């Protein structure tokens, strides 16, 4: 059994109400750099190693526990925010950890504009060059579609393109295989599982809460969401 952590932004927490009296939305998905650093410190202190999805899959495919070496925790970041590179990467490198960041290929170097209608603050996403810096720093890039679309609400043909073409585009940007996928909004069905398999991904993660083990299908892996208010006790309980 391997816990796979889900992060979004690692950044300063905005005030509940902005300068123009506008209430900040989805603040819970932002983890402060200090909190993130404490969480990674705790993992290291407890003898865990943070790993990317490629290594998670190696562990899940080991049928014998004797083939697994040490305690591991998967670390993932959704959307590909630039603040992951700025604030998370130095901490990950400090402890010798790796992770997978699921990027939105057509929006590289732009912003999280899919959130605009929800009133979520605009934040920059990593450019292709920054994704290469992320990889050079010992991390991994996965796919989160081309445009961060809700797969369950669009035509099957478009959904297939979003999943397949994003893989190709990210590989062209980084020069590395893009082997892992994450369903935007956690929305998917059996057809999307088949699309992920056909596209050549090795795994796909969901927003379902739980610890991954070999009983889960590799294209329906649950994760543990880490939020703004997740304290160290809650963090430890989630992975223990």
Protein backbone atom coordinates (compact mmCIF):
# COMPACT_ATOMS: atom_id res chain seq x y z
CA UNK A 1 0.00 0.00 0.00
CA UNK A 2 1.35 3.39 -1.02
CA UNK A 3 -0.13 6.78 -0.14
CA UNK A 4 -0.07 9.20 -3.08
CA UNK A 5 -0.27 12.83 -2.00
CA UNK A 6 -2.07 15.48 -4.05
CA UNK A 7 -0.97 19.11 -4.02
CA UNK A 8 -1.98 22.02 -6.23
CA UNK A 9 -0.30 25.31 -5.40
CA UNK A 10 2.59 25.81 -2.97
CA UNK A 11 2.36 29.52 -2.34
CA UNK A 12 1.54 32.30 0.10
CA UNK A 13 -2.03 31.97 1.35
CA UNK A 14 -4.13 34.90 0.08
CA UNK A 15 -6.44 36.77 2.47
CA UNK A 16 -10.04 35.57 2.62
CA UNK A 17 -11.21 38.88 1.13
CA UNK A 18 -9.14 40.76 -1.44
CA UNK A 19 -8.46 44.46 -1.80
CA UNK A 20 -11.67 45.01 -3.78
CA UNK A 21 -13.79 43.09 -1.33
CA UNK A 22 -13.80 39.96 -3.49
CA UNK A 23 -13.74 36.72 -1.53
CA UNK A 24 -10.82 34.44 -2.46
CA UNK A 25 -12.10 31.07 -3.68
CA UNK A 26 -10.50 27.65 -3.35
CA UNK A 27 -7.92 28.93 -0.85
CA UNK A 28 -7.97 25.45 0.66
CA UNK A 29 -6.04 24.12 -2.34
CA UNK A 30 -3.07 26.38 -1.59
CA UNK A 31 -0.45 25.02 0.83
CA UNK A 32 2.03 27.51 2.23
CA UNK A 33 5.75 26.94 1.53
CA UNK A 34 6.37 26.64 5.28
CA UNK A 35 3.68 23.96 5.69
CA UNK A 36 4.98 22.04 2.70
CA UNK A 37 8.51 22.15 4.08
CA UNK A 38 7.33 20.82 7.45
CA UNK A 39 5.42 18.00 5.78
CA UNK A 40 8.43 16.92 3.72
CA UNK A 41 10.60 17.16 6.85
CA UNK A 42 8.19 14.86 8.68
CA UNK A 43 8.28 12.31 5.86
CA UNK A 44 12.07 12.27 5.98
CA UNK A 45 12.13 12.10 9.78
CA UNK A 46 9.74 9.13 9.78
CA UNK A 47 11.94 7.28 7.30
CA UNK A 48 9.80 7.78 4.21
CA UNK A 49 11.07 8.61 0.75
CA UNK A 50 9.02 10.82 -1.56
CA UNK A 51 8.81 9.33 -5.07
CA UNK A 52 7.31 10.11 -8.46
CA UNK A 53 4.61 8.07 -10.18
CA UNK A 54 7.08 6.01 -12.17
CA UNK A 55 8.55 4.70 -8.93
CA UNK A 56 5.11 4.32 -7.36
CA UNK A 57 4.22 2.00 -10.23
CA UNK A 58 7.38 -0.05 -9.69
CA UNK A 59 6.34 -0.61 -6.08
CA UNK A 60 2.73 -1.42 -6.91
CA UNK A 61 3.83 -3.99 -9.46
CA UNK A 62 6.06 -5.80 -6.97
CA UNK A 63 4.08 -8.80 -5.78
CA UNK A 64 6.57 -9.66 -3.03
CA UNK A 65 7.18 -7.16 -0.26
CA UNK A 66 10.80 -8.30 -0.10
CA UNK A 67 11.29 -6.65 -3.49
CA UNK A 68 10.34 -3.25 -2.06
CA UNK A 69 13.02 -1.16 -0.43
CA UNK A 70 11.96 1.12 2.41
CA UNK A 71 8.85 3.19 2.97
CA UNK A 72 7.70 5.41 0.12
CA UNK A 73 5.07 8.08 -0.44
CA UNK A 74 4.02 9.23 -3.91
CA UNK A 75 4.01 13.01 -4.37
CA UNK A 76 1.93 14.65 -7.11
CA UNK A 77 1.09 18.21 -8.11
CA UNK A 78 -1.94 19.00 -10.27
CA UNK A 79 -2.03 21.70 -12.99
CA UNK A 80 1.66 22.65 -13.30
CA UNK A 81 1.82 25.90 -11.36
CA UNK A 82 5.00 27.92 -11.54
CA UNK A 83 5.01 28.16 -7.75
CA UNK A 84 5.64 24.40 -7.61
CA UNK A 85 9.00 25.09 -9.25
CA UNK A 86 9.72 28.11 -7.07
CA UNK A 87 8.65 26.81 -3.67
CA UNK A 88 8.35 23.02 -3.81
CA UNK A 89 11.39 21.99 -5.87
CA UNK A 90 14.06 23.29 -3.45
CA UNK A 91 12.41 21.42 -0.57
CA UNK A 92 12.09 18.22 -2.58
CA UNK A 93 15.74 18.44 -3.56
CA UNK A 94 16.79 19.12 0.05
CA UNK A 95 15.40 15.73 1.09
CA UNK A 96 16.24 13.81 -2.07
CA UNK A 97 12.58 13.40 -3.01
CA UNK A 98 11.00 13.15 -6.45
CA UNK A 99 7.45 13.90 -7.59
CA UNK A 100 5.17 14.07 -10.60
CA UNK A 101 3.62 17.33 -11.78
CA UNK A 102 0.59 16.94 -14.07
CA UNK A 103 0.79 19.76 -16.62
CA UNK A 104 -1.83 21.19 -18.98
CA UNK A 105 0.05 21.12 -22.28
CA UNK A 106 -1.65 23.87 -24.34
CA UNK A 107 -1.60 26.30 -21.40
CA UNK A 108 2.13 26.00 -20.65
CA UNK A 109 3.44 29.46 -19.82
CA UNK A 110 -0.10 30.84 -19.45
CA UNK A 111 -2.44 30.76 -16.45
CA UNK A 112 -5.15 28.63 -14.83
CA UNK A 113 -7.80 30.22 -17.02
CA UNK A 114 -10.13 27.23 -16.60
CA UNK A 115 -10.78 28.64 -13.12
CA UNK A 116 -11.72 32.14 -14.29
CA UNK A 117 -15.48 31.58 -14.31
CA UNK A 118 -15.25 30.31 -10.74
CA UNK A 119 -13.64 33.49 -9.57
CA UNK A 120 -10.30 31.85 -8.73
CA UNK A 121 -7.25 34.10 -8.85
CA UNK A 122 -5.10 33.82 -11.97
CA UNK A 123 -1.70 32.20 -11.36
CA UNK A 124 1.10 31.47 -13.84
CA UNK A 125 1.79 27.95 -15.06
CA UNK A 126 5.22 26.57 -15.88
CA UNK A 127 6.63 27.26 -19.32
CA UNK A 128 8.21 24.51 -21.40
CA UNK A 129 11.65 25.73 -20.26
CA UNK A 130 10.55 25.64 -16.62
CA UNK A 131 9.21 22.10 -17.05
CA UNK A 132 12.66 21.12 -18.25
CA UNK A 133 14.12 22.78 -15.12
CA UNK A 134 11.66 20.77 -13.05
CA UNK A 135 12.82 17.54 -14.69
CA UNK A 136 16.49 18.52 -14.39
CA UNK A 137 15.79 18.96 -10.67
CA UNK A 138 14.93 15.27 -10.38
CA UNK A 139 11.19 15.52 -10.92
CA UNK A 140 8.72 14.15 -13.48
CA UNK A 141 6.01 15.64 -15.72
CA UNK A 142 2.68 13.91 -16.37
CA UNK A 143 -0.38 14.97 -18.37
CA UNK A 144 -3.52 16.78 -17.22
CA UNK A 145 -4.99 17.07 -20.78
CA UNK A 146 -4.41 19.91 -23.24
CA UNK A 147 -6.85 22.44 -21.77
CA UNK A 148 -7.85 21.12 -18.30
CA UNK A 149 -11.21 19.88 -19.56
CA UNK A 150 -13.90 17.91 -17.76
CA UNK A 151 -13.70 14.69 -19.77
CA UNK A 152 -17.21 13.63 -18.80
CA UNK A 153 -18.73 16.75 -20.39
CA UNK A 154 -17.12 16.66 -23.82
CA UNK A 155 -17.39 14.56 -26.96
CA UNK A 156 -15.54 11.22 -26.83
CA UNK A 157 -13.40 12.11 -29.83
CA UNK A 158 -12.33 15.42 -28.28
CA UNK A 159 -11.61 13.68 -24.97
CA UNK A 160 -9.36 11.18 -26.76
CA UNK A 161 -7.48 14.02 -28.46
CA UNK A 162 -7.09 15.90 -25.17
CA UNK A 163 -5.53 12.86 -23.56
CA UNK A 164 -3.39 11.66 -26.48
CA UNK A 165 -2.20 14.98 -27.87
CA UNK A 166 -1.28 16.35 -24.45
CA UNK A 167 1.06 13.39 -24.01
CA UNK A 168 2.70 14.05 -27.37
CA UNK A 169 2.98 17.78 -26.73
CA UNK A 170 4.56 17.39 -23.31
CA UNK A 171 7.05 14.88 -24.68
CA UNK A 172 7.98 17.36 -27.43
CA UNK A 173 8.39 20.15 -24.85
CA UNK A 174 10.53 18.21 -22.41
CA UNK A 175 12.24 15.57 -24.52
CA UNK A 176 11.11 12.97 -21.96
CA UNK A 177 8.44 10.27 -21.96
CA UNK A 178 5.13 11.39 -20.46
CA UNK A 179 3.98 8.18 -18.78
CA UNK A 180 1.32 9.25 -16.30
CA UNK A 181 -2.08 10.93 -16.52
CA UNK A 182 -4.43 12.65 -14.10
CA UNK A 183 -8.17 13.16 -14.75
CA UNK A 184 -9.07 16.87 -14.44
CA UNK A 185 -11.70 17.45 -11.74
CA UNK A 186 -11.49 13.70 -11.03
CA UNK A 187 -14.17 13.09 -13.68
CA UNK A 188 -13.86 9.99 -15.85
CA UNK A 189 -15.62 6.78 -16.90
CA UNK A 190 -14.69 3.41 -18.37
CA UNK A 191 -14.13 4.89 -21.85
CA UNK A 192 -11.59 7.34 -20.47
CA UNK A 193 -9.75 4.51 -18.72
CA UNK A 194 -9.49 2.75 -22.08
CA UNK A 195 -8.32 5.98 -23.72
CA UNK A 196 -5.56 6.37 -21.14
CA UNK A 197 -4.45 2.81 -21.77
CA UNK A 198 -4.56 3.20 -25.57
CA UNK A 199 -2.67 6.51 -25.42
CA UNK A 200 0.24 4.67 -23.83
CA UNK A 201 0.10 5.93 -20.26
CA UNK A 202 1.33 3.67 -17.48
CA UNK A 203 -1.08 5.04 -14.86
CA UNK A 204 -3.87 7.50 -14.18
CA UNK A 205 -4.72 9.12 -10.86
CA UNK A 206 -8.09 10.26 -9.56
CA UNK A 207 -9.44 12.52 -6.79
CA UNK A 208 -10.88 9.53 -4.93
CA UNK A 209 -9.54 9.52 -1.37
CA UNK A 210 -7.55 6.47 -0.40
CA UNK A 211 -4.20 4.69 -0.29
CA UNK A 212 -3.18 2.95 -3.49
CA UNK A 213 -2.45 -0.75 -3.52
CA UNK A 214 -2.22 -3.53 -6.08
CA UNK A 215 -5.98 -4.12 -5.89
CA UNK A 216 -6.66 -0.79 -7.57
CA UNK A 217 -6.62 -0.61 -11.34
CA UNK A 218 -3.55 1.32 -12.49
CA UNK A 219 -5.84 3.80 -14.28
CA UNK A 220 -7.96 4.48 -11.19
CA UNK A 221 -5.43 5.19 -8.48
CA UNK A 222 -6.75 7.05 -5.40
CA UNK A 223 -4.80 9.82 -3.70
CA UNK A 224 -4.74 11.83 -0.50
CA UNK A 225 -5.48 15.54 -0.91
CA UNK A 226 -3.28 17.85 1.16
CA UNK A 227 -4.97 21.15 1.92
CA UNK A 228 -4.16 24.54 3.44
CA UNK A 229 -5.30 23.51 6.91
CA UNK A 230 -3.79 20.00 6.96
CA UNK A 231 -1.71 19.98 10.13
CA UNK A 232 1.17 17.63 10.85
CA UNK A 233 -0.96 15.28 12.95
CA UNK A 234 -3.54 14.96 10.16
CA UNK A 235 -0.75 14.59 7.63
CA UNK A 236 0.82 11.73 9.61
CA UNK A 237 -2.53 9.98 10.07
CA UNK A 238 -3.22 10.22 6.34
CA UNK A 239 -0.05 8.40 5.35
CA UNK A 240 0.36 6.01 8.28
